[in-house]
Amino acid sequence: MSPIRKTTLRRAQDRKRAEVILKPLSEGGIDVYEGYIELYSVWRSNNAAVPELRPLFRIPGVDPGGALSVTDDFRREVRSLAAQILPLISNSSPEAS
């Protein structure tokens, strides 16, 4: 058995971090803006580890790296996407990404 490569370990850590943010975000347990920005941070640091997050950062009219207008529509969209993405992150191994 070979030792776990650093990239594999980092990928697993980033996926777990995303999962930890997605769960309360989808359930309304954390502020949408804060959760969104935290997920964007994960995405920016290692987007290859969490390709499932891509739809969050392709919302029309939203620039995740710029100023955000946190409207009710934005909140609903982000919570909905988080709920859709959570099982994808939770049910896949980091090697499968």
C-alpha atoms as a PDB file:
ATOM      1  CA  MET A   1       0.000   0.000   0.000  1.00  0.00           C
ATOM      2  CA  SER A   2       1.441   3.329  -1.044  1.00  0.00           C
ATOM      3  CA  PRO A   3       1.313   6.404   1.164  1.00  0.00           C
ATOM      4  CA  ILE A   4      -1.404   8.932   0.433  1.00  0.00           C
ATOM      5  CA  ARG A   5      -0.141  11.589  -1.926  1.00  0.00           C
ATOM      6  CA  LYS A   6      -0.289  15.180  -0.716  1.00  0.00           C
ATOM      7  CA  THR A   7      -2.573  16.147  -3.596  1.00  0.00           C
ATOM      8  CA  THR A   8      -5.012  13.351  -2.757  1.00  0.00           C
ATOM      9  CA  LEU A   9      -5.024  14.371   0.894  1.00  0.00           C
ATOM     10  CA  ARG A  10      -5.553  18.048   0.025  1.00  0.00           C
ATOM     11  CA  ARG A  11      -8.371  17.152  -2.355  1.00  0.00           C
ATOM     12  CA  ALA A  12     -10.088  15.128   0.372  1.00  0.00           C
ATOM     13  CA  GLN A  13      -9.690  17.992   2.848  1.00  0.00           C
ATOM     14  CA  ASP A  14     -11.145  20.531   0.410  1.00  0.00           C
ATOM     15  CA  ARG A  15     -14.094  18.261  -0.388  1.00  0.00           C
ATOM     16  CA  LYS A  16     -14.768  17.766   3.333  1.00  0.00           C
ATOM     17  CA  ARG A  17     -14.524  21.526   3.934  1.00  0.00           C
ATOM     18  CA  ALA A  18     -17.046  22.139   1.125  1.00  0.00           C
ATOM     19  CA  GLU A  19     -19.377  19.497   2.577  1.00  0.00           C
ATOM     20  CA  VAL A  20     -19.171  21.079   6.027  1.00  0.00           C
ATOM     21  CA  ILE A  21     -20.220  24.438   4.526  1.00  0.00           C
ATOM     22  CA  LEU A  22     -22.869  23.067   2.145  1.00  0.00           C
ATOM     23  CA  LYS A  23     -24.853  21.217   4.813  1.00  0.00           C
ATOM     24  CA  PRO A  24     -25.813  24.194   7.016  1.00  0.00           C
ATOM     25  CA  LEU A  25     -26.042  26.448   3.961  1.00  0.00           C
ATOM     26  CA  SER A  26     -28.642  24.204   2.347  1.00  0.00           C
ATOM     27  CA  GLU A  27     -30.540  23.899   5.647  1.00  0.00           C
ATOM     28  CA  GLY A  28     -30.543  27.614   6.426  1.00  0.00           C
ATOM     29  CA  GLY A  29     -28.154  27.225   9.355  1.00  0.00           C
ATOM     30  CA  ILE A  30     -25.632  29.819   8.191  1.00  0.00           C
ATOM     31  CA  ASP A  31     -25.788  33.163   6.457  1.00  0.00           C
ATOM     32  CA  VAL A  32     -26.005  32.721   2.659  1.00  0.00           C
ATOM     33  CA  TYR A  33     -23.427  35.393   1.915  1.00  0.00           C
ATOM     34  CA  GLU A  34     -20.874  33.977   4.382  1.00  0.00           C
ATOM     35  CA  GLY A  35     -21.393  30.406   3.173  1.00  0.00           C
ATOM     36  CA  TYR A  36     -21.170  31.466  -0.464  1.00  0.00           C
ATOM     37  CA  ILE A  37     -17.923  33.352   0.111  1.00  0.00           C
ATOM     38  CA  GLU A  38     -16.445  30.416   2.062  1.00  0.00           C
ATOM     39  CA  LEU A  39     -17.328  28.038  -0.775  1.00  0.00           C
ATOM     40  CA  TYR A  40     -15.841  30.486  -3.264  1.00  0.00           C
ATOM     41  CA  SER A  41     -12.632  30.421  -1.224  1.00  0.00           C
ATOM     42  CA  VAL A  42     -12.540  26.612  -1.441  1.00  0.00           C
ATOM     43  CA  TRP A  43     -13.263  26.811  -5.173  1.00  0.00           C
ATOM     44  CA  ARG A  44     -10.521  29.363  -5.808  1.00  0.00           C
ATOM     45  CA  SER A  45      -7.921  27.405  -3.857  1.00  0.00           C
ATOM     46  CA  ASN A  46      -8.581  24.026  -5.495  1.00  0.00           C
ATOM     47  CA  ASN A  47     -11.421  23.954  -8.018  1.00  0.00           C
ATOM     48  CA  ALA A  48     -10.247  20.610  -9.413  1.00  0.00           C
ATOM     49  CA  ALA A  49     -11.150  19.017  -6.069  1.00  0.00           C
ATOM     50  CA  VAL A  50     -14.705  20.360  -6.040  1.00  0.00           C
ATOM     51  CA  PRO A  51     -16.004  20.685  -9.601  1.00  0.00           C
ATOM     52  CA  GLU A  52     -19.534  20.186  -8.274  1.00  0.00           C
ATOM     53  CA  LEU A  53     -19.426  23.757  -6.912  1.00  0.00           C
ATOM     54  CA  ARG A  54     -19.198  25.262 -10.409  1.00  0.00           C
ATOM     55  CA  PRO A  55     -22.967  26.033 -10.728  1.00  0.00           C
ATOM     56  CA  LEU A  56     -22.772  28.282  -7.660  1.00  0.00           C
ATOM     57  CA  PHE A  57     -20.298  30.548  -9.405  1.00  0.00           C
ATOM     58  CA  ARG A  58     -22.131  30.641 -12.719  1.00  0.00           C
ATOM     59  CA  ILE A  59     -25.344  32.215 -11.462  1.00  0.00           C
ATOM     60  CA  PRO A  60     -26.315  34.809 -14.087  1.00  0.00           C
ATOM     61  CA  GLY A  61     -25.690  38.363 -12.952  1.00  0.00           C
ATOM     62  CA  VAL A  62     -23.575  37.340  -9.950  1.00  0.00           C
ATOM     63  CA  ASP A  63     -19.834  37.993  -9.768  1.00  0.00           C
ATOM     64  CA  PRO A  64     -18.520  35.953  -6.834  1.00  0.00           C
ATOM     65  CA  GLY A  65     -15.227  37.846  -6.841  1.00  0.00           C
ATOM     66  CA  GLY A  66     -16.938  41.233  -6.874  1.00  0.00           C
ATOM     67  CA  ALA A  67     -19.706  43.029  -5.076  1.00  0.00           C
ATOM     68  CA  LEU A  68     -22.752  40.870  -4.399  1.00  0.00           C
ATOM     69  CA  SER A  69     -26.333  41.934  -4.058  1.00  0.00           C
ATOM     70  CA  VAL A  70     -27.813  39.470  -1.575  1.00  0.00           C
ATOM     71  CA  THR A  71     -31.450  39.441  -2.601  1.00  0.00           C
ATOM     72  CA  ASP A  72     -34.134  36.923  -1.694  1.00  0.00           C
ATOM     73  CA  ASP A  73     -33.726  35.394  -5.164  1.00  0.00           C
ATOM     74  CA  PHE A  74     -29.974  35.028  -4.611  1.00  0.00           C
ATOM     75  CA  ARG A  75     -30.558  33.392  -1.225  1.00  0.00           C
ATOM     76  CA  ARG A  76     -33.083  30.933  -2.683  1.00  0.00           C
ATOM     77  CA  GLU A  77     -30.835  30.085  -5.632  1.00  0.00           C
ATOM     78  CA  VAL A  78     -27.752  29.504  -3.473  1.00  0.00           C
ATOM     79  CA  ARG A  79     -29.649  27.364  -0.929  1.00  0.00           C
ATOM     80  CA  SER A  80     -31.241  25.351  -3.729  1.00  0.00           C
ATOM     81  CA  LEU A  81     -27.922  24.750  -5.463  1.00  0.00           C
ATOM     82  CA  ALA A  82     -26.258  23.873  -2.156  1.00  0.00           C
ATOM     83  CA  ALA A  83     -28.952  21.251  -1.504  1.00  0.00           C
ATOM     84  CA  GLN A  84     -28.405  19.791  -4.988  1.00  0.00           C
ATOM     85  CA  ILE A  85     -24.613  19.763  -4.682  1.00  0.00           C
ATOM     86  CA  LEU A  86     -24.382  18.351  -1.143  1.00  0.00           C
ATOM     87  CA  PRO A  87     -25.238  14.736  -2.070  1.00  0.00           C
ATOM     88  CA  LEU A  88     -22.785  14.874  -4.982  1.00  0.00           C
ATOM     89  CA  ILE A  89     -19.967  15.905  -2.668  1.00  0.00           C
ATOM     90  CA  SER A  90     -21.012  13.556   0.135  1.00  0.00           C
ATOM     91  CA  ASN A  91     -21.434  10.447  -2.013  1.00  0.00           C
ATOM     92  CA  SER A  92     -18.246  10.601  -4.022  1.00  0.00           C
ATOM     93  CA  SER A  93     -14.715   9.729  -3.136  1.00  0.00           C
ATOM     94  CA  PRO A  94     -11.999  12.361  -3.670  1.00  0.00           C
ATOM     95  CA  GLU A  95     -10.258  10.083  -6.164  1.00  0.00           C
ATOM     96  CA  ALA A  96     -13.378  10.011  -8.365  1.00  0.00           C
ATOM     97  CA  SER A  97     -13.287  13.782  -8.936  1.00  0.00           C
END
